[in-house]
Amino acid sequence: MNIKNIAAALVAASLVAAVPAAHAEGKIRIAEQFGVVYLLLNVAQDQKLIEKHGKKQGVDIDVDWVKLSGGAAVNDALLSNSVDVVGAGLGPLMTIWDRTAGRQNVRAVASLGNFPYYLISTNPAVKSIADFGPKDRIALPAVTVSVQARILQMASAKQWGQGQFKKLDSYTQAVPHPDAAAAVIAGGTEINAHFANPPFQEQELAGNPKAKIVLDSYQVLGGPASATVLYATEKYVKENPKTYRAFLDALVEAAQLASTNPEAAADAYLRVNKGNIDRALLIKVIKDPKVQFKVAPQNTLGLAQFLHEVGAIKKKPESWKDYFFEHPALASGS
């Protein structure tokens, strides 16, 4: 090879080396939403746990945090490669798991814990979901696809029969949790109901004497359930094993802290979210016996199979392992 050819080869090699990998090990972009259901992520961010566990894997991890609202928004962000891991309800997970089968193969990487979600109403005439009428407006993160929307459909199927599972869909409206909570507390707006999550539901019950619980997600799902999860594409998980492991290890440590030191977890939440929630109320929410912080999913298959039964997803999940990536920390899942 002459000098000219050698020089050309060196230039070509340098250009190839300069092109960054689509997903270089040591980078993770995380999209979360609003509420205490994302506490494990808040603790991990505040305490830099992902970076800490990355160093144990010999990787310096650069973590980007993005705040979005609604399952549709986070699914779009994941499929457009704007983020690597997203947090959303089981409903949006099942939608994207079904639609990406054989392509991106999106599955869940962890649960964020078990939380009861309350459907709150300020309408004195509404005692149960059977009492909702055309004048009611039920706020939730995303119409049809959010986990709140799916749980409401499941409740409707139990109330009126499976063919009527969409009966209350026309009364729902997509509103971010903070805005919906503000509307319910203030009153006087068209939003007179909110299928919420912690701490917004507790703020509404404390802030408006007319606010009451119409439906508890645990009643619909048959007990404590992991309604909110984290998920990613198969490509990201396979190409970033050290970063992925560090992320899961960070979540496990965050769950331990939230379970054993609610005050420290509450302070982490307040620092990250810069919210105006009362600290005592927040600690009360975290200490609620119905709330359980863990990364292994619990009681998810019922809702997943319901979505198949009503035609919302084409694939029928036979096990929770169908829509979760395998990891030792999830071994006790269901």
Protein backbone atom coordinates (compact mmCIF):
# COMPACT_ATOMS: atom_id res chain seq x y z
CA MET A 1 0.00 0.00 0.00
CA ASN A 2 1.48 3.37 -1.00
CA ILE A 3 1.63 6.43 1.23
CA LYS A 4 -1.43 7.98 -0.41
CA ASN A 5 -3.54 4.87 0.22
CA ILE A 6 -2.29 4.58 3.81
CA ALA A 7 -3.26 8.20 4.48
CA ALA A 8 -6.72 7.63 3.01
CA ALA A 9 -7.20 4.52 5.15
CA LEU A 10 -6.18 6.40 8.31
CA VAL A 11 -8.65 9.22 7.55
CA ALA A 12 -11.45 6.71 6.95
CA ALA A 13 -10.64 4.91 10.21
CA SER A 14 -10.66 8.18 12.14
CA LEU A 15 -14.06 9.09 10.71
CA VAL A 16 -15.51 5.73 11.68
CA ALA A 17 -14.11 6.11 15.19
CA ALA A 18 -15.63 9.57 15.48
CA VAL A 19 -19.16 8.37 14.77
CA PRO A 20 -20.85 7.84 18.18
CA ALA A 21 -22.73 4.61 18.80
CA ALA A 22 -26.48 4.91 18.83
CA HIS A 23 -26.50 3.68 22.42
CA ALA A 24 -23.04 3.87 23.89
CA GLU A 25 -22.71 2.06 27.21
CA GLY A 26 -22.80 4.61 30.02
CA LYS A 27 -25.73 6.74 28.83
CA ILE A 28 -29.36 6.54 29.97
CA ARG A 29 -32.21 8.95 29.24
CA ILE A 30 -35.20 8.46 31.52
CA ALA A 31 -38.71 9.86 31.02
CA GLU A 32 -40.89 10.00 34.12
CA GLN A 33 -44.27 11.49 34.92
CA PHE A 34 -45.88 13.04 38.00
CA GLY A 35 -46.52 11.68 41.48
CA VAL A 36 -45.16 9.63 44.35
CA VAL A 37 -45.45 6.54 42.13
CA TYR A 38 -42.16 7.77 40.63
CA LEU A 39 -40.50 8.12 44.05
CA LEU A 40 -37.87 5.47 43.32
CA LEU A 41 -36.69 7.49 40.34
CA ASN A 42 -36.71 10.67 42.42
CA VAL A 43 -34.57 9.03 45.11
CA ALA A 44 -32.20 7.62 42.48
CA GLN A 45 -31.86 11.07 40.91
CA ASP A 46 -31.42 12.90 44.21
CA GLN A 47 -28.87 10.43 45.59
CA LYS A 48 -27.17 9.82 42.21
CA LEU A 49 -27.64 6.09 42.71
CA ILE A 50 -27.42 5.19 39.02
CA GLU A 51 -24.05 6.89 38.79
CA LYS A 52 -22.96 5.19 42.03
CA HIS A 53 -23.84 1.70 40.81
CA GLY A 54 -22.39 2.46 37.41
CA LYS A 55 -18.99 2.99 39.00
CA LYS A 56 -19.31 -0.45 40.60
CA GLN A 57 -19.73 -1.79 37.05
CA GLY A 58 -16.73 0.21 35.87
CA VAL A 59 -18.88 2.62 33.87
CA ASP A 60 -19.31 6.39 34.24
CA ILE A 61 -23.02 6.83 33.53
CA ASP A 62 -24.47 10.06 32.17
CA VAL A 63 -28.11 10.30 33.24
CA ASP A 64 -30.68 12.57 31.57
CA TRP A 65 -34.09 13.13 33.19
CA VAL A 66 -37.20 14.16 31.23
CA LYS A 67 -40.65 14.97 32.59
CA LEU A 68 -43.67 14.05 30.43
CA SER A 69 -47.40 13.50 30.99
CA GLY A 70 -49.48 10.63 29.67
CA GLY A 71 -48.77 7.17 28.32
CA ALA A 72 -49.10 8.26 24.70
CA ALA A 73 -46.42 10.92 25.15
CA VAL A 74 -43.90 8.58 26.80
CA ASN A 75 -44.52 5.84 24.22
CA ASP A 76 -43.91 8.30 21.41
CA ALA A 77 -40.69 9.46 23.09
CA LEU A 78 -39.45 5.88 23.44
CA LEU A 79 -40.25 4.83 19.88
CA SER A 80 -38.69 8.01 18.44
CA ASN A 81 -35.47 7.18 20.34
CA SER A 82 -35.72 10.44 22.29
CA VAL A 83 -35.34 8.50 25.56
CA ASP A 84 -34.13 5.06 26.63
CA VAL A 85 -36.37 4.16 29.58
CA VAL A 86 -39.86 5.44 30.32
CA GLY A 87 -42.16 5.31 33.31
CA ALA A 88 -45.88 4.87 32.73
CA GLY A 89 -48.85 2.78 33.71
CA LEU A 90 -49.40 -0.85 32.88
CA GLY A 91 -51.94 0.20 30.23
CA PRO A 92 -49.44 2.10 28.04
CA LEU A 93 -46.91 -0.70 28.56
CA MET A 94 -49.33 -3.32 27.22
CA THR A 95 -50.14 -1.12 24.22
CA ILE A 96 -46.51 -0.68 23.22
CA TRP A 97 -45.57 -4.29 24.09
CA ASP A 98 -48.29 -5.50 21.74
CA ARG A 99 -47.46 -3.11 18.90
CA THR A 100 -43.69 -3.58 18.93
CA ALA A 101 -43.64 -7.40 19.02
CA GLY A 102 -41.12 -8.65 16.48
CA ARG A 103 -39.65 -5.17 16.03
CA GLN A 104 -38.46 -3.05 18.97
CA ASN A 105 -39.78 -5.69 21.40
CA VAL A 106 -40.52 -3.26 24.21
CA ARG A 107 -40.90 -4.84 27.63
CA ALA A 108 -40.87 -3.69 31.23
CA VAL A 109 -37.62 -3.56 33.19
CA ALA A 110 -39.07 -3.03 36.68
CA SER A 111 -42.08 -2.07 38.72
CA LEU A 112 -42.07 1.13 40.75
CA GLY A 113 -44.09 -0.43 43.56
CA ASN A 114 -47.71 -0.99 44.54
CA PHE A 115 -49.97 2.05 44.92
CA PRO A 116 -53.74 2.42 45.22
CA TYR A 117 -55.13 4.84 42.63
CA TYR A 118 -58.32 6.63 43.68
CA LEU A 119 -61.06 7.92 41.42
CA ILE A 120 -62.08 11.13 43.21
CA SER A 121 -65.35 12.98 42.60
CA THR A 122 -66.74 16.25 43.97
CA ASN A 123 -70.23 15.63 42.59
CA PRO A 124 -72.53 14.88 45.56
CA ALA A 125 -74.72 12.70 43.33
CA VAL A 126 -71.86 10.36 42.43
CA LYS A 127 -71.51 7.52 44.92
CA SER A 128 -70.14 4.93 42.50
CA ILE A 129 -69.13 4.77 38.84
CA ALA A 130 -72.75 3.89 38.02
CA ASP A 131 -73.74 7.46 38.95
CA PHE A 132 -71.51 9.29 36.46
CA GLY A 133 -73.42 11.20 33.79
CA PRO A 134 -72.85 13.48 30.78
CA LYS A 135 -72.18 16.50 33.01
CA ASP A 136 -69.23 14.81 34.70
CA ARG A 137 -65.67 15.22 33.47
CA ILE A 138 -63.13 12.70 34.71
CA ALA A 139 -59.53 13.87 34.42
CA LEU A 140 -56.80 11.28 33.83
CA PRO A 141 -53.31 11.36 32.26
CA ALA A 142 -54.31 10.02 28.85
CA VAL A 143 -57.72 9.08 27.45
CA THR A 144 -58.11 5.35 26.70
CA VAL A 145 -54.46 4.27 27.07
CA SER A 146 -53.41 5.43 30.56
CA VAL A 147 -53.54 2.86 33.34
CA GLN A 148 -56.28 4.88 35.00
CA ALA A 149 -58.32 4.76 31.80
CA ARG A 150 -57.78 1.00 31.51
CA ILE A 151 -58.72 0.37 35.15
CA LEU A 152 -61.87 2.44 34.61
CA GLN A 153 -62.68 0.28 31.58
CA MET A 154 -62.14 -2.85 33.66
CA ALA A 155 -64.46 -1.47 36.36
CA SER A 156 -67.05 -0.62 33.70
CA ALA A 157 -66.90 -4.17 32.33
CA LYS A 158 -67.57 -5.50 35.84
CA GLN A 159 -70.41 -3.02 36.33
CA TRP A 160 -72.23 -3.30 32.98
CA GLY A 161 -70.71 -6.30 31.19
CA GLN A 162 -67.64 -6.65 29.00
CA GLY A 163 -69.36 -5.23 25.95
CA GLN A 164 -69.81 -1.95 27.82
CA PHE A 165 -66.20 -1.55 28.91
CA LYS A 166 -65.95 1.82 27.10
CA LYS A 167 -69.14 3.19 28.65
CA LEU A 168 -67.37 5.95 30.62
CA ASP A 169 -64.67 6.79 28.06
CA SER A 170 -66.63 9.76 26.71
CA TYR A 171 -66.59 11.37 30.17
CA THR A 172 -62.81 11.27 30.44
CA GLN A 173 -60.41 14.06 29.61
CA ALA A 174 -56.60 14.11 29.37
CA VAL A 175 -55.20 16.43 32.05
CA PRO A 176 -51.79 16.22 33.80
CA HIS A 177 -52.15 15.16 37.43
CA PRO A 178 -50.98 18.49 38.96
CA ASP A 179 -53.48 20.48 36.87
CA ALA A 180 -56.31 18.05 37.57
CA ALA A 181 -55.63 18.18 41.30
CA ALA A 182 -55.64 21.98 41.26
CA ALA A 183 -59.00 21.96 39.44
CA VAL A 184 -60.58 19.49 41.86
CA ILE A 185 -59.34 21.37 44.92
CA ALA A 186 -60.46 24.76 43.61
CA GLY A 187 -63.81 23.55 42.26
CA GLY A 188 -65.86 25.62 39.86
CA THR A 189 -64.38 24.09 36.69
CA GLU A 190 -65.77 21.43 34.35
CA ILE A 191 -63.35 18.93 35.93
CA ASN A 192 -65.32 17.44 38.82
CA ALA A 193 -63.58 14.06 38.99
CA HIS A 194 -60.03 12.82 38.76
CA PHE A 195 -58.64 9.30 38.51
CA ALA A 196 -55.49 10.26 40.33
CA ASN A 197 -52.41 8.83 41.97
CA PRO A 198 -50.46 9.70 45.15
CA PRO A 199 -49.97 12.40 46.35
CA PHE A 200 -52.54 14.24 44.23
CA GLN A 201 -55.48 12.14 45.43
CA GLU A 202 -54.55 12.80 49.06
CA GLN A 203 -54.19 16.52 48.35
CA GLU A 204 -57.68 16.58 46.84
CA LEU A 205 -59.25 14.73 49.77
CA ALA A 206 -57.56 17.13 52.19
CA GLY A 207 -58.17 20.27 50.15
CA ASN A 208 -61.83 19.99 49.11
CA PRO A 209 -64.49 18.85 51.60
CA LYS A 210 -66.67 17.67 48.70
CA ALA A 211 -63.97 15.32 47.40
CA LYS A 212 -64.56 11.62 48.05
CA ILE A 213 -63.29 8.28 46.80
CA VAL A 214 -65.60 6.68 44.24
CA LEU A 215 -63.30 3.85 43.19
CA ASP A 216 -60.08 2.26 44.51
CA SER A 217 -57.88 0.55 41.90
CA TYR A 218 -57.11 -2.27 44.35
CA GLN A 219 -60.83 -3.14 44.39
CA VAL A 220 -60.85 -3.48 40.62
CA LEU A 221 -57.56 -5.37 40.34
CA GLY A 222 -58.26 -7.72 43.24
CA GLY A 223 -55.65 -6.42 45.68
CA PRO A 224 -52.32 -4.60 45.71
CA ALA A 225 -50.99 -4.21 42.19
CA SER A 226 -48.08 -2.67 40.34
CA ALA A 227 -49.92 -0.20 38.15
CA THR A 228 -46.87 1.87 37.17
CA VAL A 229 -43.76 0.38 35.58
CA LEU A 230 -40.56 1.22 33.72
CA TYR A 231 -39.93 -0.12 30.22
CA ALA A 232 -37.41 -0.03 27.39
CA THR A 233 -36.61 -1.51 24.00
CA GLU A 234 -34.85 -4.86 23.66
CA LYS A 235 -32.04 -3.12 21.77
CA TYR A 236 -31.22 -0.80 24.65
CA VAL A 237 -31.26 -3.55 27.27
CA LYS A 238 -29.04 -5.88 25.19
CA GLU A 239 -26.57 -3.21 24.10
CA ASN A 240 -26.12 -1.65 27.54
CA PRO A 241 -25.82 -4.51 30.04
CA LYS A 242 -23.69 -2.64 32.58
CA THR A 243 -25.82 0.51 32.49
CA TYR A 244 -28.97 -1.61 32.68
CA ARG A 245 -27.66 -3.51 35.69
CA ALA A 246 -26.62 -0.29 37.42
CA PHE A 247 -30.09 1.14 36.80
CA LEU A 248 -31.82 -1.88 38.37
CA ASP A 249 -29.40 -1.93 41.31
CA ALA A 250 -30.11 1.77 41.86
CA LEU A 251 -33.86 1.12 41.90
CA VAL A 252 -33.43 -1.69 44.44
CA GLU A 253 -31.44 0.63 46.73
CA ALA A 254 -34.02 3.40 46.27
CA ALA A 255 -36.81 0.98 47.24
CA GLN A 256 -34.92 0.01 50.38
CA LEU A 257 -34.49 3.66 51.36
CA ALA A 258 -38.15 4.51 50.71
CA SER A 259 -39.26 1.53 52.79
CA THR A 260 -36.95 2.13 55.74
CA ASN A 261 -36.58 5.92 55.79
CA PRO A 262 -39.80 7.60 54.56
CA GLU A 263 -38.64 11.02 55.77
CA ALA A 264 -35.45 10.91 53.69
CA ALA A 265 -37.43 9.66 50.67
CA ALA A 266 -39.94 12.50 51.11
CA ASP A 267 -37.14 15.07 51.22
CA ALA A 268 -35.66 13.60 48.03
CA TYR A 269 -39.07 13.88 46.35
CA LEU A 270 -39.41 17.52 47.42
CA ARG A 271 -35.92 18.44 46.23
CA VAL A 272 -36.36 16.83 42.83
CA ASN A 273 -39.93 17.98 42.14
CA LYS A 274 -39.72 21.39 43.83
CA GLY A 275 -43.40 21.03 44.64
CA ASN A 276 -45.49 22.79 47.24
CA ILE A 277 -46.95 19.66 48.79
CA ASP A 278 -47.07 19.61 52.57
CA ARG A 279 -44.17 17.48 53.85
CA ALA A 280 -46.24 15.85 56.59
CA LEU A 281 -48.89 14.81 54.06
CA LEU A 282 -46.21 13.45 51.75
CA ILE A 283 -44.67 11.36 54.53
CA LYS A 284 -48.14 10.06 55.41
CA VAL A 285 -48.61 8.95 51.79
CA ILE A 286 -45.24 7.18 51.73
CA LYS A 287 -46.02 5.43 55.05
CA ASP A 288 -49.49 4.31 53.91
CA PRO A 289 -49.68 0.52 54.57
CA LYS A 290 -51.31 0.09 51.16
CA VAL A 291 -48.16 1.47 49.49
CA GLN A 292 -45.28 -0.96 48.90
CA PHE A 293 -41.94 0.02 47.37
CA LYS A 294 -40.34 -2.78 45.37
CA VAL A 295 -39.12 -3.44 41.84
CA ALA A 296 -40.69 -6.87 41.35
CA PRO A 297 -44.17 -6.52 39.79
CA GLN A 298 -47.26 -7.79 41.57
CA ASN A 299 -50.71 -8.72 40.29
CA THR A 300 -50.30 -7.38 36.74
CA LEU A 301 -51.58 -10.26 34.64
CA GLY A 302 -55.30 -9.69 35.29
CA LEU A 303 -55.37 -6.25 33.68
CA ALA A 304 -53.07 -7.40 30.89
CA GLN A 305 -55.37 -10.29 29.97
CA PHE A 306 -58.46 -8.09 30.25
CA LEU A 307 -57.00 -5.81 27.58
CA HIS A 308 -56.65 -8.81 25.28
CA GLU A 309 -60.17 -10.03 26.04
CA VAL A 310 -61.73 -6.71 24.99
CA GLY A 311 -59.53 -6.39 21.91
CA ALA A 312 -57.36 -3.53 23.13
CA ILE A 313 -54.25 -5.63 22.42
CA LYS A 314 -53.86 -8.47 19.92
CA LYS A 315 -51.34 -10.66 21.74
CA LYS A 316 -52.55 -12.60 24.76
CA PRO A 317 -50.05 -12.56 27.62
CA GLU A 318 -49.88 -15.95 29.31
CA SER A 319 -47.54 -14.80 32.06
CA TRP A 320 -46.19 -11.54 33.45
CA LYS A 321 -42.81 -12.73 32.14
CA ASP A 322 -44.10 -12.22 28.59
CA TYR A 323 -43.97 -8.43 29.02
CA PHE A 324 -41.06 -8.08 31.49
CA PHE A 325 -37.37 -8.55 30.79
CA GLU A 326 -35.78 -11.23 32.93
CA HIS A 327 -33.73 -10.00 35.89
CA PRO A 328 -32.91 -11.57 39.27
CA ALA A 329 -34.46 -8.61 41.13
CA LEU A 330 -37.83 -9.44 39.51
CA ALA A 331 -37.83 -13.14 40.35
CA SER A 332 -40.73 -12.88 42.81
CA GLY A 333 -42.97 -11.03 40.30
CA SER A 334 -46.51 -11.80 39.28
